[in-house]
């Protein structure tokens, strides 16, 4: 069996990196470019306000990037195992491999990597994506036509409509609700940034709290699948069960960060309202304006002569009138 563009000709694989997919990479690049563009204005901000604006920009864009990126990551929950399993249907050949299941909001990603990678005269390194869409049946049918290895087909079959586990109903609905609330949180984040640029800092703090609330609701929607009846299945002799992964914990951490920012803004607005307005102004420091030196200035002598003549004329007219 030969390679064509590094892919086996008879088992064409739709490879999808389960961490850095194309959409996720696009989100990261867009926010990095936006950050660099906004940072270009920092040299125009005087004094200590420059540091405050730097922290403000970095924190705000970090929160926005995380909220958008969480919609496209495939590691909200994951399960891993190392086991011996049959490699192909209608064959007794057994391979020793690492099997991984990575669950996102729009589908699952199943990985299979041999240990060692080359076994049975083949390179065992698969990475297959199965999206919900309306159902997962089309992707599963395509996987059967490709002749993918048994461990991948076995896991994907558990998420089909015909499976008695009913995992697709739990994961698909919880993923949709989690994604919808994340987009609402993104809208709240944008409103908070707009309000921070206006003399209504208190409402900006409220919107940050709303952002945190919707992020927590999103995480809670995803946790609903963990309270559903468990469908325990095995590959070889090892049990396979998904647990919370990086994206879930990152969502919780971002929600806590938004809560802290919102609470601090609200409390400081009630305790020191003038300082808060000054801190979130357009970068004008009134206490620094007094120390500004404009250097030497020069006046046109012709202009001074005209001013003196006009002043003398007005004085003489006043005296004659008296």
Protein backbone atom coordinates (compact mmCIF):
# COMPACT_ATOMS: atom_id res chain seq x y z
CA UNK A 1 0.00 0.00 0.00
CA UNK A 2 1.49 3.32 -1.08
CA UNK A 3 0.98 6.90 0.02
CA UNK A 4 -0.63 9.69 -1.93
CA UNK A 5 -0.14 13.08 -0.27
CA UNK A 6 0.61 11.25 2.99
CA UNK A 7 -2.82 9.58 3.02
CA UNK A 8 -3.62 5.95 2.37
CA UNK A 9 -5.51 5.69 -0.94
CA UNK A 10 -8.08 3.10 0.18
CA UNK A 11 -8.85 4.64 3.55
CA UNK A 12 -9.10 8.34 2.87
CA UNK A 13 -9.27 10.11 6.23
CA UNK A 14 -10.75 13.49 6.96
CA UNK A 15 -8.12 14.56 9.44
CA UNK A 16 -9.09 17.18 11.98
CA UNK A 17 -6.78 18.32 14.74
CA UNK A 18 -8.82 18.00 17.92
CA UNK A 19 -7.13 21.00 19.58
CA UNK A 20 -6.09 23.43 16.83
CA UNK A 21 -8.72 23.10 14.13
CA UNK A 22 -8.92 25.57 11.26
CA UNK A 23 -11.79 27.54 12.80
CA UNK A 24 -10.07 27.76 16.16
CA UNK A 25 -6.85 28.94 14.56
CA UNK A 26 -8.82 31.61 12.67
CA UNK A 27 -10.31 32.91 15.92
CA UNK A 28 -6.90 33.09 17.60
CA UNK A 29 -5.31 34.92 14.66
CA UNK A 30 -8.18 37.43 14.45
CA UNK A 31 -7.93 38.34 18.13
CA UNK A 32 -4.13 38.54 17.99
CA UNK A 33 -4.31 40.96 15.06
CA UNK A 34 -6.97 43.00 16.88
CA UNK A 35 -4.77 43.10 19.99
CA UNK A 36 -1.74 44.33 18.06
CA UNK A 37 -3.81 47.02 16.32
CA UNK A 38 -5.23 48.33 19.59
CA UNK A 39 -1.82 48.26 21.28
CA UNK A 40 -0.58 50.72 18.67
CA UNK A 41 -2.50 53.48 20.48
CA UNK A 42 -0.64 52.94 23.76
CA UNK A 43 2.27 55.31 22.92
CA UNK A 44 -0.30 58.11 22.63
CA UNK A 45 -1.50 57.64 26.22
CA UNK A 46 0.37 59.66 28.83
CA UNK A 47 1.62 58.71 32.25
CA UNK A 48 0.34 55.91 34.43
CA UNK A 49 -2.80 55.48 32.34
CA UNK A 50 -0.72 53.58 29.79
CA UNK A 51 -0.24 50.62 32.14
CA UNK A 52 -3.93 50.61 33.09
CA UNK A 53 -4.99 50.62 29.44
CA UNK A 54 -2.55 47.80 28.64
CA UNK A 55 -4.03 45.56 31.33
CA UNK A 56 -7.54 46.54 30.33
CA UNK A 57 -7.01 45.67 26.66
CA UNK A 58 -5.26 42.37 27.34
CA UNK A 59 -7.88 41.17 29.86
CA UNK A 60 -10.81 42.22 27.72
CA UNK A 61 -9.54 40.62 24.51
CA UNK A 62 -8.52 37.48 26.39
CA UNK A 63 -12.08 37.07 27.69
CA UNK A 64 -13.57 37.69 24.25
CA UNK A 65 -11.18 35.28 22.53
CA UNK A 66 -11.88 32.52 25.05
CA UNK A 67 -15.66 32.90 24.72
CA UNK A 68 -15.52 32.60 20.93
CA UNK A 69 -12.87 29.87 20.87
CA UNK A 70 -14.79 27.66 23.32
CA UNK A 71 -17.49 27.22 20.67
CA UNK A 72 -15.01 25.52 18.32
CA UNK A 73 -12.86 23.43 20.65
CA UNK A 74 -13.28 19.66 20.78
CA UNK A 75 -12.08 18.99 24.30
CA UNK A 76 -14.94 19.90 26.64
CA UNK A 77 -14.84 16.27 27.77
CA UNK A 78 -12.47 13.49 26.86
CA UNK A 79 -11.58 9.89 27.56
CA UNK A 80 -8.33 8.07 26.88
CA UNK A 81 -7.21 4.48 27.13
CA UNK A 82 -4.46 2.13 26.05
CA UNK A 83 -5.75 -1.28 25.09
CA UNK A 84 -5.49 -4.27 22.77
CA UNK A 85 -8.32 -4.29 20.22
CA UNK A 86 -9.21 -5.87 16.92
CA UNK A 87 -8.07 -3.66 14.10
CA UNK A 88 -10.42 -4.45 11.21
CA UNK A 89 -13.74 -6.15 10.74
CA UNK A 90 -13.72 -9.85 9.73
CA UNK A 91 -10.15 -10.16 11.00
CA UNK A 92 -8.60 -11.56 14.15
CA UNK A 93 -5.61 -9.19 13.98
CA UNK A 94 -5.12 -7.33 17.27
CA UNK A 95 -3.22 -4.07 17.72
CA UNK A 96 -1.93 -2.31 20.79
CA UNK A 97 -3.06 1.33 20.51
CA UNK A 98 -4.03 4.51 22.35
CA UNK A 99 -7.69 5.39 21.85
CA UNK A 100 -9.06 8.87 22.56
CA UNK A 101 -12.52 10.42 22.55
CA UNK A 102 -12.75 14.23 22.52
CA UNK A 103 -16.19 15.81 22.89
CA UNK A 104 -17.01 19.32 21.68
CA UNK A 105 -20.19 21.34 21.36
CA UNK A 106 -20.71 20.40 17.70
CA UNK A 107 -19.41 16.84 17.56
CA UNK A 108 -16.84 14.31 18.69
CA UNK A 109 -13.28 13.60 17.62
CA UNK A 110 -11.98 10.03 17.84
CA UNK A 111 -8.26 9.32 17.70
CA UNK A 112 -6.47 6.02 17.31
CA UNK A 113 -2.68 5.83 17.48
CA UNK A 114 -0.74 2.60 17.49
CA UNK A 115 1.77 1.88 20.19
CA UNK A 116 4.12 1.54 18.29
CA UNK A 117 2.67 3.47 15.39
CA UNK A 118 3.66 0.93 12.71
CA UNK A 119 1.86 -2.38 13.20
CA UNK A 120 0.58 -5.01 10.75
CA UNK A 121 2.61 -3.26 8.05
CA UNK A 122 0.46 -0.16 8.42
CA UNK A 123 0.83 3.23 10.06
CA UNK A 124 -1.93 3.36 12.68
CA UNK A 125 -2.57 7.06 13.27
CA UNK A 126 -6.19 8.12 12.80
CA UNK A 127 -8.01 11.29 13.73
CA UNK A 128 -11.69 11.33 12.72
CA UNK A 129 -14.34 14.00 13.29
CA UNK A 130 -18.05 13.19 13.62
CA UNK A 131 -20.33 16.24 13.74
CA UNK A 132 -23.89 16.37 15.05
CA UNK A 133 -25.53 18.35 12.24
CA UNK A 134 -29.07 16.98 12.39
CA UNK A 135 -27.75 13.52 13.21
CA UNK A 136 -24.43 11.74 13.10
CA UNK A 137 -25.71 9.00 10.81
CA UNK A 138 -24.19 10.41 7.61
CA UNK A 139 -20.70 10.63 9.10
CA UNK A 140 -21.01 7.14 10.53
CA UNK A 141 -22.14 5.73 7.18
CA UNK A 142 -19.19 7.42 5.48
CA UNK A 143 -16.83 5.92 8.07
CA UNK A 144 -18.21 2.46 7.33
CA UNK A 145 -17.63 2.98 3.62
CA UNK A 146 -14.04 4.02 4.28
CA UNK A 147 -13.42 0.89 6.29
CA UNK A 148 -12.07 2.67 9.36
CA UNK A 149 -10.65 0.60 12.23
CA UNK A 150 -13.03 -1.12 14.62
CA UNK A 151 -12.28 1.02 17.72
CA UNK A 152 -13.26 4.21 15.86
CA UNK A 153 -16.43 2.67 14.45
CA UNK A 154 -17.35 1.21 17.83
CA UNK A 155 -17.13 4.61 19.57
CA UNK A 156 -18.93 6.45 16.76
CA UNK A 157 -21.74 3.87 16.80
CA UNK A 158 -22.47 4.72 20.43
CA UNK A 159 -23.47 8.24 19.31
CA UNK A 160 -25.86 7.19 16.54
CA UNK A 161 -29.65 7.28 16.80
CA UNK A 162 -29.84 3.48 16.65
CA UNK A 163 -27.61 3.04 19.69
CA UNK A 164 -29.44 2.03 22.89
CA UNK A 165 -27.12 4.36 24.84
CA UNK A 166 -28.76 7.48 23.41
CA UNK A 167 -25.58 9.50 23.91
CA UNK A 168 -26.31 11.72 20.93
CA UNK A 169 -29.45 13.11 22.57
CA UNK A 170 -27.55 14.15 25.69
CA UNK A 171 -24.45 15.54 24.00
CA UNK A 172 -26.17 17.19 21.05
CA UNK A 173 -28.78 19.08 23.08
CA UNK A 174 -26.41 20.06 25.87
CA UNK A 175 -23.88 21.24 23.27
CA UNK A 176 -26.45 23.38 21.50
CA UNK A 177 -27.60 25.05 24.71
CA UNK A 178 -24.01 25.59 25.82
CA UNK A 179 -23.07 27.15 22.48
CA UNK A 180 -26.14 29.42 22.45
CA UNK A 181 -25.44 30.78 25.93
CA UNK A 182 -21.78 31.31 25.05
CA UNK A 183 -22.81 33.53 22.13
CA UNK A 184 -25.09 35.49 24.48
CA UNK A 185 -22.12 35.88 26.83
CA UNK A 186 -20.10 37.22 23.89
CA UNK A 187 -22.79 39.84 23.20
CA UNK A 188 -22.74 40.88 26.88
CA UNK A 189 -18.95 41.17 26.67
CA UNK A 190 -19.20 43.51 23.68
CA UNK A 191 -21.80 45.68 25.47
CA UNK A 192 -19.56 45.84 28.54
CA UNK A 193 -16.66 47.11 26.46
CA UNK A 194 -18.85 49.75 24.84
CA UNK A 195 -20.13 50.93 28.22
CA UNK A 196 -16.59 51.09 29.61
CA UNK A 197 -15.90 53.79 27.02
CA UNK A 198 -18.82 55.88 28.29
CA UNK A 199 -19.44 57.63 31.63
CA UNK A 200 -21.61 54.68 32.76
CA UNK A 201 -19.01 52.44 34.34
CA UNK A 202 -21.52 50.96 36.78
CA UNK A 203 -23.59 49.44 33.96
CA UNK A 204 -20.41 48.11 32.38
CA UNK A 205 -19.75 46.25 35.63
CA UNK A 206 -23.27 44.84 35.52
CA UNK A 207 -22.71 43.61 31.97
CA UNK A 208 -19.49 41.88 33.05
CA UNK A 209 -21.50 40.08 35.72
CA UNK A 210 -24.05 39.14 33.05
CA UNK A 211 -21.20 37.79 30.91
CA UNK A 212 -20.03 35.64 33.80
CA UNK A 213 -23.59 34.44 34.46
CA UNK A 214 -24.08 33.22 30.89
CA UNK A 215 -20.68 31.49 30.88
CA UNK A 216 -21.68 29.62 34.04
CA UNK A 217 -25.03 28.73 32.47
CA UNK A 218 -23.16 27.35 29.46
CA UNK A 219 -20.97 25.20 31.68
CA UNK A 220 -24.04 24.05 33.61
CA UNK A 221 -25.78 23.09 30.36
CA UNK A 222 -22.84 20.93 29.40
CA UNK A 223 -22.68 19.26 32.82
CA UNK A 224 -26.22 17.98 32.26
CA UNK A 225 -24.75 15.11 30.25
CA UNK A 226 -22.80 13.94 33.28
CA UNK A 227 -26.02 13.51 35.27
CA UNK A 228 -27.63 11.40 32.55
CA UNK A 229 -27.59 7.59 32.92
CA UNK A 230 -24.11 6.37 32.15
CA UNK A 231 -23.51 4.15 29.15
CA UNK A 232 -20.48 2.09 30.10
CA UNK A 233 -18.76 0.43 27.17
CA UNK A 234 -15.39 -1.19 26.74
CA UNK A 235 -12.73 -1.51 24.08
CA UNK A 236 -10.83 -4.68 24.61
CA UNK A 237 -10.79 -5.08 28.38
CA UNK A 238 -10.68 -1.39 29.37
CA UNK A 239 -13.73 0.69 30.35
CA UNK A 240 -14.28 3.91 28.42
CA UNK A 241 -15.76 6.91 30.25
CA UNK A 242 -15.49 10.65 29.42
CA UNK A 243 -14.53 13.29 31.99
CA UNK A 244 -14.37 17.09 31.97
CA UNK A 245 -11.45 18.46 29.99
CA UNK A 246 -9.55 21.69 29.32
CA UNK A 247 -12.30 23.72 27.61
CA UNK A 248 -14.76 23.12 30.44
CA UNK A 249 -12.33 24.24 33.13
CA UNK A 250 -11.24 27.21 30.98
CA UNK A 251 -14.88 28.27 30.72
CA UNK A 252 -15.26 28.16 34.50
CA UNK A 253 -12.02 30.10 35.02
CA UNK A 254 -13.13 32.78 32.54
CA UNK A 255 -16.48 33.05 34.30
CA UNK A 256 -14.73 33.56 37.63
CA UNK A 257 -12.49 36.22 36.06
CA UNK A 258 -15.52 38.10 34.68
CA UNK A 259 -17.20 37.87 38.09
CA UNK A 260 -14.16 39.33 39.86
CA UNK A 261 -13.90 42.20 37.37
CA UNK A 262 -17.62 42.96 37.56
CA UNK A 263 -17.73 42.92 41.37
CA UNK A 264 -14.65 45.14 41.65
CA UNK A 265 -16.06 47.65 39.17
CA UNK A 266 -19.42 47.82 40.96
CA UNK A 267 -17.89 48.16 44.44
CA UNK A 268 -15.30 50.73 43.38
CA UNK A 269 -17.97 52.73 41.55
CA UNK A 270 -19.98 53.11 44.76
CA UNK A 271 -16.94 53.80 46.96
CA UNK A 272 -14.85 55.99 44.62
CA UNK A 273 -17.08 57.13 41.74
CA UNK A 274 -14.86 60.05 40.68
CA UNK A 275 -11.74 57.92 40.60
CA UNK A 276 -13.54 55.30 38.52
CA UNK A 277 -14.69 57.91 35.99
CA UNK A 278 -11.16 59.25 35.81
CA UNK A 279 -9.67 55.75 35.40
CA UNK A 280 -12.01 54.81 32.57
CA UNK A 281 -11.81 58.17 30.80
CA UNK A 282 -10.17 58.63 27.45
CA UNK A 283 -6.71 58.66 28.97
CA UNK A 284 -6.67 62.31 30.11
CA UNK A 285 -4.92 62.80 33.46
CA UNK A 286 -5.96 66.16 34.90
CA UNK A 287 -3.36 65.99 37.68
CA UNK A 288 -0.61 65.71 35.09
CA UNK A 289 -1.77 68.65 33.02
CA UNK A 290 -0.49 71.10 35.62
CA UNK A 291 3.08 69.90 35.18
CA UNK A 292 3.12 70.11 31.40
CA UNK A 293 5.75 72.51 30.06
CA UNK A 294 5.17 73.89 26.61
CA UNK A 295 8.69 75.34 26.26
CA UNK A 296 9.57 78.71 24.78
CA UNK A 297 7.03 80.54 22.64
CA UNK A 298 7.53 83.31 20.10
CA UNK A 299 5.20 86.09 18.95
CA UNK A 300 5.35 88.03 15.73
CA UNK A 301 6.54 91.62 16.41
CA UNK A 302 4.14 93.00 13.81
CA UNK A 303 1.28 91.40 15.72
CA UNK A 304 2.48 93.02 18.96
CA UNK A 305 2.70 96.46 17.27
CA UNK A 306 -0.88 96.17 16.07
CA UNK A 307 -2.04 95.19 19.55
CA UNK A 308 -0.19 98.17 21.15
CA UNK A 309 -1.54 100.66 18.59
CA UNK A 310 -5.11 99.49 18.99
CA UNK A 311 -4.76 99.60 22.78
CA UNK A 312 -3.46 103.22 22.68
CA UNK A 313 -6.24 104.31 20.31
CA UNK A 314 -8.93 102.94 22.57
CA UNK A 315 -7.33 104.68 25.57
CA UNK A 316 -7.21 108.09 23.85
CA UNK A 317 -10.83 107.79 22.76
CA UNK A 318 -11.86 107.12 26.34
CA UNK A 319 -9.96 110.17 27.65
CA UNK A 320 -11.47 112.57 25.05
CA UNK A 321 -14.91 111.30 25.87
CA UNK A 322 -14.39 112.07 29.53
